[in-house]
Amino acid sequence: MKGLEITGRTVEEAIQKGLKKLGLDHKEVEIKILDEGKAGLFGLMGASPAKVKISPKNPSAQNTPNNISPVSGVQAKKFLEEILCLMGIDNKVESFLQDEQLVLNIKTADSALLIEKNPPPLNSLQLLLNLIVAKTYQQKIILDTENYRKCQKEKFMTLAKNSAEKVKKTKKEIMLEPLPPQERKIIHLALQSDPNVQTASKGEGSHRRIIISLKNNTI
């Protein structure tokens, strides 16, 4: 694993900055001093920063793109497992990268507790987890279980296409029921290349809806 190279005025400062950025402590990483740095004349002229290389020991953090924290999967996975245990849900969580997003897939016999409500608790957990790690990690975290996200994508892509066809046939706009952000995004993306219809959002918060209408001078 390449690890993370960090600079600081001193070796100790560089190490502390790196540990904070990774969200780990000394026992969870390997540290290599690349440059001890120089204080320079009177602490100013000729000064150079210290540089260290910090690599997580956990092998699951390997092969992560350079623009994504190499331990985000490790730490987020721990958070999620702890939250699910507090909910009384026995689980095993696997993590992987997909389209530069971190996906945490929950394997549990109690998956129905996470998806068979409206709105599904899985979405609330996803929001909570993203809020918890937002200050440390830069990429969005997606929670999934039993291929729920794939099924939802197919469901709302079908809804988008059927609604668009109805708009073309009746030449009247359609306002869909309020939907969460991830479902609205699916519909927007499904219809963005359609030359005859357009989508727009209306409302605030949990009442936000998508309007599908004909584009000007079409059909």
N, C-alpha and C. Protein backbone atom coordinates (compact mmCIF):
# COMPACT_ATOMS: atom_id res chain seq x y z
N MET A 1 0.84 -1.20 0.00
CA MET A 1 0.00 0.00 0.00
C MET A 1 0.87 1.25 0.00
N LYS A 2 0.55 2.27 -0.78
CA LYS A 2 1.37 3.46 -0.88
C LYS A 2 1.38 4.27 0.41
N GLY A 3 0.32 4.32 1.12
CA GLY A 3 0.25 5.09 2.35
C GLY A 3 0.03 6.56 2.08
N LEU A 4 0.11 7.35 3.12
CA LEU A 4 -0.17 8.77 3.05
C LEU A 4 1.06 9.55 3.48
N GLU A 5 1.55 10.46 2.64
CA GLU A 5 2.71 11.27 2.97
C GLU A 5 2.24 12.62 3.52
N ILE A 6 2.76 12.97 4.72
CA ILE A 6 2.32 14.18 5.41
C ILE A 6 3.54 15.00 5.82
N THR A 7 3.44 16.31 5.72
CA THR A 7 4.53 17.19 6.15
C THR A 7 4.11 18.00 7.36
N GLY A 8 5.09 18.48 8.11
CA GLY A 8 4.84 19.32 9.29
C GLY A 8 6.12 20.02 9.69
N ARG A 9 6.03 20.94 10.62
CA ARG A 9 7.23 21.65 11.07
C ARG A 9 8.21 20.71 11.76
N THR A 10 7.67 19.69 12.41
CA THR A 10 8.49 18.67 13.06
C THR A 10 7.94 17.29 12.69
N VAL A 11 8.71 16.24 12.96
CA VAL A 11 8.26 14.88 12.69
C VAL A 11 6.99 14.57 13.47
N GLU A 12 6.97 14.95 14.75
CA GLU A 12 5.82 14.66 15.59
C GLU A 12 4.57 15.39 15.10
N GLU A 13 4.75 16.63 14.65
CA GLU A 13 3.60 17.37 14.13
C GLU A 13 3.05 16.71 12.88
N ALA A 14 3.95 16.24 12.00
CA ALA A 14 3.52 15.57 10.78
C ALA A 14 2.77 14.27 11.11
N ILE A 15 3.27 13.53 12.08
CA ILE A 15 2.61 12.28 12.48
C ILE A 15 1.22 12.55 13.01
N GLN A 16 1.10 13.56 13.89
CA GLN A 16 -0.21 13.87 14.48
C GLN A 16 -1.20 14.32 13.42
N LYS A 17 -0.73 15.11 12.45
CA LYS A 17 -1.60 15.55 11.36
C LYS A 17 -2.09 14.35 10.55
N GLY A 18 -1.18 13.41 10.28
CA GLY A 18 -1.54 12.23 9.51
C GLY A 18 -2.53 11.34 10.23
N LEU A 19 -2.31 11.13 11.55
CA LEU A 19 -3.21 10.29 12.33
C LEU A 19 -4.61 10.90 12.39
N LYS A 20 -4.65 12.21 12.52
CA LYS A 20 -5.95 12.91 12.58
C LYS A 20 -6.67 12.78 11.25
N LYS A 21 -5.93 12.93 10.16
CA LYS A 21 -6.55 12.85 8.84
C LYS A 21 -7.10 11.45 8.56
N LEU A 22 -6.38 10.42 9.04
CA LEU A 22 -6.80 9.05 8.80
C LEU A 22 -7.81 8.55 9.83
N GLY A 23 -7.89 9.25 10.97
CA GLY A 23 -8.81 8.80 12.01
C GLY A 23 -8.32 7.56 12.73
N LEU A 24 -6.99 7.40 12.82
CA LEU A 24 -6.40 6.22 13.46
C LEU A 24 -5.44 6.65 14.56
N ASP A 25 -4.98 5.67 15.37
CA ASP A 25 -3.96 5.97 16.37
C ASP A 25 -2.68 5.22 16.02
N HIS A 26 -1.63 5.42 16.84
CA HIS A 26 -0.30 4.88 16.53
C HIS A 26 -0.30 3.38 16.29
N LYS A 27 -1.04 2.62 17.08
CA LYS A 27 -0.99 1.17 17.00
C LYS A 27 -1.67 0.62 15.75
N GLU A 28 -2.42 1.47 15.02
CA GLU A 28 -3.14 1.01 13.83
C GLU A 28 -2.40 1.33 12.54
N VAL A 29 -1.21 1.95 12.65
CA VAL A 29 -0.50 2.37 11.44
C VAL A 29 0.99 2.01 11.51
N GLU A 30 1.63 2.06 10.36
CA GLU A 30 3.07 1.96 10.25
C GLU A 30 3.59 3.33 9.83
N ILE A 31 4.62 3.81 10.53
CA ILE A 31 5.14 5.16 10.27
C ILE A 31 6.59 5.09 9.80
N LYS A 32 6.86 5.76 8.69
CA LYS A 32 8.22 5.84 8.16
C LYS A 32 8.62 7.30 8.02
N ILE A 33 9.72 7.68 8.62
CA ILE A 33 10.20 9.06 8.55
C ILE A 33 10.96 9.25 7.24
N LEU A 34 10.45 10.09 6.37
CA LEU A 34 11.07 10.35 5.07
C LEU A 34 12.07 11.50 5.13
N ASP A 35 11.78 12.48 5.97
CA ASP A 35 12.66 13.65 6.11
C ASP A 35 12.44 14.25 7.49
N GLU A 36 13.50 14.39 8.25
CA GLU A 36 13.37 14.95 9.60
C GLU A 36 13.21 16.47 9.58
N GLY A 37 13.46 17.08 8.44
CA GLY A 37 13.30 18.52 8.32
C GLY A 37 14.46 19.29 8.93
N LYS A 38 14.48 20.59 8.66
CA LYS A 38 15.52 21.46 9.19
C LYS A 38 14.88 22.72 9.75
N ALA A 39 15.40 23.17 10.88
CA ALA A 39 14.87 24.38 11.51
C ALA A 39 15.29 25.62 10.77
N GLY A 40 16.48 25.61 10.11
CA GLY A 40 16.96 26.76 9.38
C GLY A 40 17.62 27.79 10.29
N LEU A 41 18.28 28.74 9.70
CA LEU A 41 18.97 29.79 10.46
C LEU A 41 17.96 30.66 11.20
N PHE A 42 18.14 30.75 12.52
CA PHE A 42 17.22 31.51 13.39
C PHE A 42 15.78 30.99 13.27
N GLY A 43 15.68 29.74 12.83
CA GLY A 43 14.34 29.15 12.72
C GLY A 43 13.58 29.62 11.51
N LEU A 44 14.27 30.36 10.59
CA LEU A 44 13.58 30.92 9.43
C LEU A 44 14.26 30.53 8.12
N MET A 45 15.45 31.10 7.87
CA MET A 45 16.14 30.91 6.60
C MET A 45 16.62 29.46 6.43
N GLY A 46 16.34 28.89 5.28
CA GLY A 46 16.79 27.53 4.99
C GLY A 46 15.98 26.44 5.65
N ALA A 47 14.85 26.80 6.26
CA ALA A 47 14.02 25.80 6.93
C ALA A 47 13.34 24.89 5.91
N SER A 48 13.15 23.63 6.28
CA SER A 48 12.43 22.67 5.42
C SER A 48 11.55 21.82 6.31
N PRO A 49 10.37 21.44 5.83
CA PRO A 49 9.43 20.67 6.66
C PRO A 49 9.85 19.23 6.84
N ALA A 50 9.39 18.64 7.92
CA ALA A 50 9.57 17.21 8.14
C ALA A 50 8.51 16.47 7.32
N LYS A 51 8.83 15.26 6.87
CA LYS A 51 7.88 14.48 6.08
C LYS A 51 7.86 13.04 6.58
N VAL A 52 6.66 12.51 6.75
CA VAL A 52 6.51 11.12 7.18
C VAL A 52 5.53 10.41 6.25
N LYS A 53 5.64 9.10 6.22
CA LYS A 53 4.73 8.27 5.45
C LYS A 53 3.97 7.38 6.43
N ILE A 54 2.62 7.45 6.40
CA ILE A 54 1.79 6.69 7.33
C ILE A 54 0.92 5.73 6.54
N SER A 55 1.01 4.44 6.87
CA SER A 55 0.24 3.42 6.17
C SER A 55 -0.61 2.62 7.16
N PRO A 56 -1.93 2.51 6.95
CA PRO A 56 -2.77 1.69 7.82
C PRO A 56 -2.34 0.23 7.78
N LYS A 57 -2.38 -0.45 8.90
CA LYS A 57 -2.01 -1.85 8.95
C LYS A 57 -3.11 -2.76 8.42
N ASN A 58 -4.36 -2.28 8.48
CA ASN A 58 -5.48 -3.12 8.05
C ASN A 58 -5.42 -3.36 6.56
N PRO A 59 -5.32 -4.61 6.10
CA PRO A 59 -5.19 -4.90 4.67
C PRO A 59 -6.39 -4.51 3.84
N SER A 60 -7.57 -4.37 4.44
CA SER A 60 -8.77 -4.04 3.67
C SER A 60 -8.75 -2.62 3.15
N ALA A 61 -7.77 -1.83 3.61
CA ALA A 61 -7.67 -0.45 3.17
C ALA A 61 -6.81 -0.31 1.92
N GLN A 62 -6.32 -1.41 1.33
CA GLN A 62 -5.44 -1.35 0.18
C GLN A 62 -6.21 -1.07 -1.10
N ASN A 63 -5.42 -0.69 -2.12
CA ASN A 63 -5.94 -0.47 -3.47
C ASN A 63 -7.04 0.57 -3.53
N THR A 64 -6.91 1.64 -2.74
CA THR A 64 -7.90 2.72 -2.73
C THR A 64 -7.41 3.86 -3.60
N PRO A 65 -8.27 4.49 -4.43
CA PRO A 65 -7.84 5.61 -5.25
C PRO A 65 -7.20 6.71 -4.43
N ASN A 66 -6.25 7.47 -5.06
CA ASN A 66 -5.47 8.48 -4.34
C ASN A 66 -6.32 9.58 -3.74
N ASN A 67 -7.47 9.89 -4.35
CA ASN A 67 -8.29 10.99 -3.86
C ASN A 67 -9.27 10.57 -2.79
N ILE A 68 -9.18 9.30 -2.31
CA ILE A 68 -10.09 8.82 -1.28
C ILE A 68 -9.28 8.36 -0.08
N SER A 69 -9.70 8.72 1.11
CA SER A 69 -8.99 8.32 2.30
C SER A 69 -8.84 6.81 2.35
N PRO A 70 -7.60 6.26 2.52
CA PRO A 70 -7.39 4.82 2.45
C PRO A 70 -8.00 4.04 3.59
N VAL A 71 -8.46 4.71 4.64
CA VAL A 71 -9.05 3.96 5.75
C VAL A 71 -10.53 4.26 5.92
N SER A 72 -11.12 5.00 4.97
CA SER A 72 -12.52 5.36 5.13
C SER A 72 -13.41 4.14 5.25
N GLY A 73 -13.13 3.10 4.45
CA GLY A 73 -13.92 1.88 4.51
C GLY A 73 -13.81 1.21 5.85
N VAL A 74 -12.61 1.23 6.43
CA VAL A 74 -12.38 0.59 7.73
C VAL A 74 -13.16 1.28 8.84
N GLN A 75 -12.99 2.59 8.93
CA GLN A 75 -13.62 3.33 10.02
C GLN A 75 -15.14 3.39 9.88
N ALA A 76 -15.63 3.65 8.66
CA ALA A 76 -17.08 3.72 8.44
C ALA A 76 -17.72 2.37 8.72
N LYS A 77 -17.04 1.31 8.33
CA LYS A 77 -17.55 -0.05 8.56
C LYS A 77 -17.70 -0.30 10.06
N LYS A 78 -16.73 0.15 10.84
CA LYS A 78 -16.80 -0.03 12.30
C LYS A 78 -17.98 0.73 12.88
N PHE A 79 -18.16 1.98 12.43
CA PHE A 79 -19.29 2.79 12.91
C PHE A 79 -20.61 2.08 12.64
N LEU A 80 -20.77 1.61 11.41
CA LEU A 80 -22.02 0.98 11.01
C LEU A 80 -22.29 -0.29 11.81
N GLU A 81 -21.29 -1.11 11.98
CA GLU A 81 -21.46 -2.35 12.74
C GLU A 81 -21.89 -2.07 14.17
N GLU A 82 -21.30 -1.02 14.76
CA GLU A 82 -21.67 -0.66 16.13
C GLU A 82 -23.11 -0.15 16.21
N ILE A 83 -23.51 0.67 15.25
CA ILE A 83 -24.88 1.20 15.23
C ILE A 83 -25.89 0.06 15.08
N LEU A 84 -25.62 -0.87 14.16
CA LEU A 84 -26.53 -1.99 13.93
C LEU A 84 -26.63 -2.89 15.17
N CYS A 85 -25.52 -3.08 15.86
CA CYS A 85 -25.54 -3.89 17.09
C CYS A 85 -26.41 -3.22 18.16
N LEU A 86 -26.31 -1.88 18.25
CA LEU A 86 -27.14 -1.14 19.21
C LEU A 86 -28.62 -1.27 18.86
N MET A 87 -28.92 -1.47 17.58
CA MET A 87 -30.30 -1.66 17.12
C MET A 87 -30.76 -3.10 17.33
N GLY A 88 -29.84 -3.96 17.79
CA GLY A 88 -30.20 -5.36 18.00
C GLY A 88 -30.20 -6.19 16.73
N ILE A 89 -29.47 -5.72 15.71
CA ILE A 89 -29.42 -6.42 14.43
C ILE A 89 -28.06 -7.10 14.27
N ASP A 90 -28.06 -8.44 14.27
CA ASP A 90 -26.83 -9.18 14.00
C ASP A 90 -26.43 -8.94 12.55
N ASN A 91 -25.16 -8.68 12.32
CA ASN A 91 -24.78 -8.30 10.96
C ASN A 91 -23.33 -8.61 10.64
N LYS A 92 -23.07 -8.61 9.34
CA LYS A 92 -21.72 -8.64 8.81
C LYS A 92 -21.69 -7.62 7.69
N VAL A 93 -20.73 -6.70 7.74
CA VAL A 93 -20.68 -5.62 6.76
C VAL A 93 -19.45 -5.78 5.87
N GLU A 94 -19.68 -5.73 4.56
CA GLU A 94 -18.57 -5.76 3.61
C GLU A 94 -18.50 -4.41 2.92
N SER A 95 -17.29 -3.96 2.61
CA SER A 95 -17.11 -2.64 1.99
C SER A 95 -16.37 -2.77 0.67
N PHE A 96 -16.75 -1.92 -0.30
CA PHE A 96 -16.06 -1.88 -1.58
C PHE A 96 -16.34 -0.54 -2.24
N LEU A 97 -15.52 -0.20 -3.23
CA LEU A 97 -15.68 1.05 -3.96
C LEU A 97 -16.43 0.82 -5.26
N GLN A 98 -17.37 1.71 -5.55
CA GLN A 98 -18.16 1.62 -6.78
C GLN A 98 -18.44 3.02 -7.28
N ASP A 99 -17.95 3.32 -8.48
CA ASP A 99 -18.11 4.67 -9.06
C ASP A 99 -17.61 5.74 -8.10
N GLU A 100 -16.44 5.47 -7.48
CA GLU A 100 -15.79 6.40 -6.56
C GLU A 100 -16.62 6.70 -5.32
N GLN A 101 -17.55 5.82 -5.01
CA GLN A 101 -18.33 5.92 -3.78
C GLN A 101 -18.07 4.68 -2.94
N LEU A 102 -18.08 4.86 -1.63
CA LEU A 102 -17.87 3.74 -0.73
C LEU A 102 -19.20 3.07 -0.45
N VAL A 103 -19.31 1.80 -0.80
CA VAL A 103 -20.54 1.04 -0.56
C VAL A 103 -20.32 0.11 0.62
N LEU A 104 -21.22 0.17 1.60
CA LEU A 104 -21.20 -0.74 2.73
C LEU A 104 -22.42 -1.64 2.61
N ASN A 105 -22.18 -2.91 2.33
CA ASN A 105 -23.27 -3.85 2.13
C ASN A 105 -23.51 -4.65 3.41
N ILE A 106 -24.73 -4.56 3.91
CA ILE A 106 -25.09 -5.21 5.18
C ILE A 106 -25.66 -6.59 4.92
N LYS A 107 -25.03 -7.60 5.48
CA LYS A 107 -25.53 -8.97 5.38
C LYS A 107 -26.14 -9.35 6.72
N THR A 108 -27.44 -9.56 6.73
CA THR A 108 -28.14 -9.87 7.97
C THR A 108 -29.44 -10.62 7.67
N ALA A 109 -29.85 -11.43 8.61
CA ALA A 109 -31.14 -12.12 8.47
C ALA A 109 -32.29 -11.17 8.76
N ASP A 110 -31.97 -9.99 9.28
CA ASP A 110 -33.00 -9.00 9.64
C ASP A 110 -33.08 -7.86 8.63
N SER A 111 -32.73 -8.12 7.38
CA SER A 111 -32.72 -7.05 6.37
C SER A 111 -34.08 -6.39 6.20
N ALA A 112 -35.15 -7.14 6.45
CA ALA A 112 -36.50 -6.58 6.32
C ALA A 112 -36.69 -5.38 7.25
N LEU A 113 -36.04 -5.40 8.41
CA LEU A 113 -36.16 -4.29 9.36
C LEU A 113 -35.55 -3.00 8.80
N LEU A 114 -34.68 -3.15 7.81
CA LEU A 114 -33.98 -1.99 7.25
C LEU A 114 -34.64 -1.43 5.99
N ILE A 115 -35.46 -2.24 5.32
CA ILE A 115 -35.98 -1.79 4.01
C ILE A 115 -37.50 -1.84 3.86
N GLU A 116 -38.19 -2.55 4.73
CA GLU A 116 -39.64 -2.72 4.52
C GLU A 116 -40.48 -1.71 5.29
N LYS A 117 -40.09 -0.46 5.21
CA LYS A 117 -40.87 0.64 5.77
C LYS A 117 -40.75 1.81 4.82
N ASN A 118 -41.61 2.80 4.97
CA ASN A 118 -41.56 3.98 4.12
C ASN A 118 -41.55 5.24 4.98
N PRO A 119 -40.41 5.96 5.02
CA PRO A 119 -39.17 5.67 4.31
C PRO A 119 -38.39 4.55 5.00
N PRO A 120 -37.53 3.85 4.26
CA PRO A 120 -36.79 2.73 4.86
C PRO A 120 -35.72 3.23 5.84
N PRO A 121 -35.58 2.55 6.98
CA PRO A 121 -34.54 2.93 7.95
C PRO A 121 -33.14 2.92 7.34
N LEU A 122 -32.94 2.14 6.27
CA LEU A 122 -31.64 2.10 5.61
C LEU A 122 -31.22 3.49 5.14
N ASN A 123 -32.18 4.28 4.65
CA ASN A 123 -31.86 5.63 4.20
C ASN A 123 -31.47 6.54 5.36
N SER A 124 -32.16 6.39 6.49
CA SER A 124 -31.83 7.19 7.67
C SER A 124 -30.45 6.82 8.20
N LEU A 125 -30.13 5.53 8.19
CA LEU A 125 -28.80 5.08 8.61
C LEU A 125 -27.72 5.65 7.69
N GLN A 126 -28.01 5.66 6.40
CA GLN A 126 -27.05 6.19 5.43
C GLN A 126 -26.79 7.67 5.69
N LEU A 127 -27.84 8.43 5.94
CA LEU A 127 -27.70 9.85 6.24
C LEU A 127 -26.90 10.06 7.52
N LEU A 128 -27.23 9.28 8.55
CA LEU A 128 -26.53 9.39 9.83
C LEU A 128 -25.05 9.09 9.68
N LEU A 129 -24.73 8.03 8.97
CA LEU A 129 -23.33 7.64 8.81
C LEU A 129 -22.55 8.69 8.04
N ASN A 130 -23.16 9.26 7.01
CA ASN A 130 -22.49 10.31 6.25
C ASN A 130 -22.24 11.54 7.10
N LEU A 131 -23.18 11.86 7.99
CA LEU A 131 -22.99 13.00 8.89
C LEU A 131 -21.86 12.73 9.88
N ILE A 132 -21.76 11.50 10.35
CA ILE A 132 -20.73 11.14 11.33
C ILE A 132 -19.32 11.28 10.74
N VAL A 133 -19.15 10.83 9.51
CA VAL A 133 -17.80 10.80 8.93
C VAL A 133 -17.52 11.98 8.00
N ALA A 134 -18.46 12.89 7.85
CA ALA A 134 -18.33 13.98 6.87
C ALA A 134 -17.08 14.83 7.10
N LYS A 135 -16.69 15.03 8.35
CA LYS A 135 -15.55 15.90 8.64
C LYS A 135 -14.22 15.21 8.37
N THR A 136 -14.24 13.90 8.22
CA THR A 136 -13.01 13.14 8.03
C THR A 136 -12.83 12.64 6.61
N TYR A 137 -13.93 12.17 5.99
CA TYR A 137 -13.85 11.54 4.67
C TYR A 137 -14.58 12.37 3.64
N GLN A 138 -14.06 12.34 2.41
CA GLN A 138 -14.58 13.21 1.37
C GLN A 138 -15.62 12.55 0.48
N GLN A 139 -15.63 11.23 0.35
CA GLN A 139 -16.58 10.61 -0.55
C GLN A 139 -17.87 10.22 0.16
N LYS A 140 -18.93 10.09 -0.64
CA LYS A 140 -20.22 9.71 -0.09
C LYS A 140 -20.26 8.22 0.20
N ILE A 141 -20.97 7.85 1.26
CA ILE A 141 -21.11 6.46 1.65
C ILE A 141 -22.52 5.98 1.31
N ILE A 142 -22.62 4.85 0.62
CA ILE A 142 -23.89 4.25 0.25
C ILE A 142 -24.10 2.98 1.06
N LEU A 143 -25.24 2.86 1.69
CA LEU A 143 -25.58 1.63 2.41
C LEU A 143 -26.50 0.77 1.56
N ASP A 144 -26.29 -0.53 1.60
CA ASP A 144 -27.11 -1.44 0.81
C ASP A 144 -27.32 -2.74 1.57
N THR A 145 -28.37 -3.46 1.22
CA THR A 145 -28.62 -4.79 1.75
C THR A 145 -29.58 -5.50 0.81
N GLU A 146 -29.33 -6.77 0.55
CA GLU A 146 -30.20 -7.58 -0.32
C GLU A 146 -30.45 -6.93 -1.68
N ASN A 147 -29.41 -6.26 -2.23
CA ASN A 147 -29.54 -5.60 -3.55
C ASN A 147 -30.67 -4.57 -3.59
N TYR A 148 -30.95 -3.96 -2.44
CA TYR A 148 -32.04 -2.98 -2.36
C TYR A 148 -31.83 -1.81 -3.31
N ARG A 149 -30.60 -1.29 -3.37
CA ARG A 149 -30.34 -0.11 -4.21
C ARG A 149 -30.56 -0.43 -5.69
N LYS A 150 -30.14 -1.61 -6.13
CA LYS A 150 -30.33 -2.01 -7.53
C LYS A 150 -31.82 -2.13 -7.86
N CYS A 151 -32.57 -2.74 -6.94
CA CYS A 151 -34.02 -2.90 -7.17
C CYS A 151 -34.72 -1.55 -7.22
N GLN A 152 -34.30 -0.64 -6.33
CA GLN A 152 -34.89 0.70 -6.31
C GLN A 152 -34.57 1.46 -7.59
N LYS A 153 -33.33 1.31 -8.06
CA LYS A 153 -32.94 1.98 -9.30
C LYS A 153 -33.80 1.52 -10.46
N GLU A 154 -33.98 0.21 -10.58
CA GLU A 154 -34.80 -0.34 -11.66
C GLU A 154 -36.25 0.12 -11.54
N LYS A 155 -36.76 0.15 -10.31
CA LYS A 155 -38.14 0.56 -10.06
C LYS A 155 -38.37 2.01 -10.50
N PHE A 156 -37.46 2.91 -10.13
CA PHE A 156 -37.68 4.33 -10.43
C PHE A 156 -37.29 4.70 -11.85
N MET A 157 -36.41 3.92 -12.46
CA MET A 157 -36.15 4.14 -13.88
C MET A 157 -37.39 3.78 -14.70
N THR A 158 -38.06 2.70 -14.30
CA THR A 158 -39.31 2.31 -14.97
C THR A 158 -40.38 3.37 -14.76
N LEU A 159 -40.48 3.89 -13.53
CA LEU A 159 -41.45 4.94 -13.24
C LEU A 159 -41.18 6.17 -14.10
N ALA A 160 -39.90 6.53 -14.22
CA ALA A 160 -39.53 7.71 -15.00
C ALA A 160 -39.95 7.55 -16.47
N LYS A 161 -39.62 6.41 -17.04
CA LYS A 161 -39.91 6.18 -18.46
C LYS A 161 -41.41 6.09 -18.74
N ASN A 162 -42.14 5.43 -17.85
CA ASN A 162 -43.60 5.33 -18.03
C ASN A 162 -44.27 6.69 -17.89
N SER A 163 -43.78 7.48 -16.94
CA SER A 163 -44.34 8.83 -16.73
C SER A 163 -44.04 9.72 -17.93
N ALA A 164 -42.82 9.59 -18.47
CA ALA A 164 -42.45 10.40 -19.64
C ALA A 164 -43.34 10.06 -20.84
N GLU A 165 -43.60 8.78 -21.02
CA GLU A 165 -44.46 8.37 -22.13
C GLU A 165 -45.88 8.92 -21.97
N LYS A 166 -46.35 8.96 -20.74
CA LYS A 166 -47.69 9.50 -20.47
C LYS A 166 -47.74 10.99 -20.77
N VAL A 167 -46.66 11.70 -20.41
CA VAL A 167 -46.59 13.14 -20.68
C VAL A 167 -46.61 13.39 -22.19
N LYS A 168 -45.87 12.59 -22.94
CA LYS A 168 -45.84 12.75 -24.40
C LYS A 168 -47.20 12.47 -25.02
N LYS A 169 -47.89 11.51 -24.47
CA LYS A 169 -49.19 11.11 -25.03
C LYS A 169 -50.27 12.12 -24.69
N THR A 170 -50.31 12.59 -23.46
CA THR A 170 -51.37 13.50 -23.02
C THR A 170 -51.01 14.97 -23.21
N LYS A 171 -49.69 15.23 -23.40
CA LYS A 171 -49.18 16.60 -23.51
C LYS A 171 -49.47 17.43 -22.26
N LYS A 172 -49.57 16.73 -21.13
CA LYS A 172 -49.77 17.38 -19.83
C LYS A 172 -48.66 16.96 -18.88
N GLU A 173 -48.22 17.89 -18.06
CA GLU A 173 -47.15 17.57 -17.11
C GLU A 173 -47.65 16.64 -16.01
N ILE A 174 -46.71 15.93 -15.40
CA ILE A 174 -47.02 15.02 -14.30
C ILE A 174 -46.18 15.41 -13.09
N MET A 175 -46.84 15.47 -11.94
CA MET A 175 -46.11 15.71 -10.70
C MET A 175 -46.11 14.41 -9.89
N LEU A 176 -44.94 13.87 -9.62
CA LEU A 176 -44.83 12.63 -8.89
C LEU A 176 -44.99 12.85 -7.39
N GLU A 177 -45.19 11.77 -6.67
CA GLU A 177 -45.28 11.84 -5.21
C GLU A 177 -43.94 12.27 -4.62
N PRO A 178 -43.93 12.84 -3.41
CA PRO A 178 -42.66 13.23 -2.78
C PRO A 178 -41.71 12.04 -2.68
N LEU A 179 -40.45 12.28 -3.01
CA LEU A 179 -39.44 11.21 -3.00
C LEU A 179 -38.16 11.69 -2.31
N PRO A 180 -37.41 10.76 -1.72
CA PRO A 180 -36.11 11.09 -1.14
C PRO A 180 -35.13 11.52 -2.23
N PRO A 181 -34.04 12.19 -1.89
CA PRO A 181 -33.07 12.69 -2.88
C PRO A 181 -32.53 11.61 -3.81
N GLN A 182 -32.20 10.41 -3.27
CA GLN A 182 -31.60 9.40 -4.13
C GLN A 182 -32.55 8.89 -5.20
N GLU A 183 -33.85 8.81 -4.87
CA GLU A 183 -34.83 8.38 -5.86
C GLU A 183 -35.09 9.48 -6.90
N ARG A 184 -35.11 10.73 -6.44
CA ARG A 184 -35.28 11.84 -7.39
C ARG A 184 -34.12 11.89 -8.38
N LYS A 185 -32.93 11.62 -7.89
CA LYS A 185 -31.75 11.64 -8.76
C LYS A 185 -31.86 10.59 -9.84
N ILE A 186 -32.37 9.40 -9.50
CA ILE A 186 -32.53 8.33 -10.48
C ILE A 186 -33.44 8.78 -11.62
N ILE A 187 -34.54 9.45 -11.25
CA ILE A 187 -35.51 9.89 -12.26
C ILE A 187 -34.92 10.99 -13.14
N HIS A 188 -34.24 11.96 -12.51
CA HIS A 188 -33.60 13.02 -13.30
C HIS A 188 -32.62 12.43 -14.31
N LEU A 189 -31.78 11.51 -13.86
CA LEU A 189 -30.77 10.92 -14.74
C LEU A 189 -31.40 10.06 -15.83
N ALA A 190 -32.50 9.36 -15.50
CA ALA A 190 -33.15 8.49 -16.47
C ALA A 190 -33.73 9.27 -17.64
N LEU A 191 -34.11 10.52 -17.40
CA LEU A 191 -34.78 11.30 -18.43
C LEU A 191 -33.94 12.45 -19.00
N GLN A 192 -32.71 12.60 -18.52
CA GLN A 192 -31.93 13.76 -18.95
C GLN A 192 -31.58 13.73 -20.44
N SER A 193 -31.54 12.55 -21.03
CA SER A 193 -31.20 12.46 -22.45
C SER A 193 -32.44 12.39 -23.36
N ASP A 194 -33.62 12.41 -22.77
CA ASP A 194 -34.85 12.38 -23.57
C ASP A 194 -35.04 13.74 -24.23
N PRO A 195 -35.11 13.81 -25.57
CA PRO A 195 -35.21 15.09 -26.27
C PRO A 195 -36.58 15.77 -26.15
N ASN A 196 -37.57 15.05 -25.63
CA ASN A 196 -38.93 15.59 -25.63
C ASN A 196 -39.45 16.02 -24.26
N VAL A 197 -38.86 15.52 -23.19
CA VAL A 197 -39.36 15.89 -21.86
C VAL A 197 -38.24 16.47 -21.00
N GLN A 198 -38.66 17.14 -19.95
CA GLN A 198 -37.72 17.72 -19.00
C GLN A 198 -38.21 17.49 -17.58
N THR A 199 -37.30 17.54 -16.63
CA THR A 199 -37.67 17.34 -15.23
C THR A 199 -37.27 18.55 -14.40
N ALA A 200 -38.03 18.77 -13.35
CA ALA A 200 -37.73 19.86 -12.42
C ALA A 200 -38.22 19.44 -11.04
N SER A 201 -37.63 20.00 -10.01
CA SER A 201 -38.03 19.68 -8.64
C SER A 201 -38.79 20.85 -8.03
N LYS A 202 -39.75 20.53 -7.19
CA LYS A 202 -40.57 21.55 -6.54
C LYS A 202 -40.85 21.13 -5.10
N GLY A 203 -40.82 22.09 -4.19
CA GLY A 203 -41.09 21.80 -2.79
C GLY A 203 -39.82 21.76 -1.96
N GLU A 204 -39.98 21.56 -0.68
CA GLU A 204 -38.86 21.55 0.25
C GLU A 204 -38.83 20.28 1.08
N GLY A 205 -37.63 19.85 1.45
CA GLY A 205 -37.46 18.73 2.37
C GLY A 205 -38.16 17.47 1.93
N SER A 206 -38.89 16.86 2.86
CA SER A 206 -39.57 15.59 2.58
C SER A 206 -40.77 15.76 1.65
N HIS A 207 -41.14 17.01 1.33
CA HIS A 207 -42.28 17.26 0.43
C HIS A 207 -41.82 17.57 -1.00
N ARG A 208 -40.52 17.45 -1.26
CA ARG A 208 -40.01 17.79 -2.58
C ARG A 208 -40.44 16.76 -3.62
N ARG A 209 -40.93 17.25 -4.77
CA ARG A 209 -41.46 16.39 -5.83
C ARG A 209 -40.78 16.69 -7.15
N ILE A 210 -40.91 15.75 -8.07
CA ILE A 210 -40.41 15.95 -9.43
C ILE A 210 -41.58 16.22 -10.37
N ILE A 211 -41.40 17.22 -11.22
CA ILE A 211 -42.38 17.52 -12.26
C ILE A 211 -41.79 17.12 -13.60
N ILE A 212 -42.51 16.31 -14.35
CA ILE A 212 -42.08 15.90 -15.69
C ILE A 212 -43.00 16.59 -16.70
N SER A 213 -42.39 17.30 -17.64
CA SER A 213 -43.20 18.07 -18.60
C SER A 213 -42.54 18.05 -19.98
N LEU A 214 -43.31 18.46 -21.00
CA LEU A 214 -42.78 18.54 -22.35
C LEU A 214 -41.79 19.70 -22.46
N LYS A 215 -40.76 19.50 -23.26
CA LYS A 215 -39.85 20.60 -23.55
C LYS A 215 -40.53 21.53 -24.55
N ASN A 216 -40.11 22.77 -24.54
CA ASN A 216 -40.69 23.74 -25.47
C ASN A 216 -40.44 23.33 -26.91
N ASN A 217 -41.45 23.51 -27.74
CA ASN A 217 -41.35 23.26 -29.17
C ASN A 217 -41.04 21.78 -29.49
N THR A 218 -41.61 20.87 -28.69
CA THR A 218 -41.43 19.45 -29.00
C THR A 218 -42.77 18.79 -29.21
N ILE A 219 -42.74 17.71 -29.96
CA ILE A 219 -43.92 16.90 -30.29
C ILE A 219 -45.01 17.76 -30.93
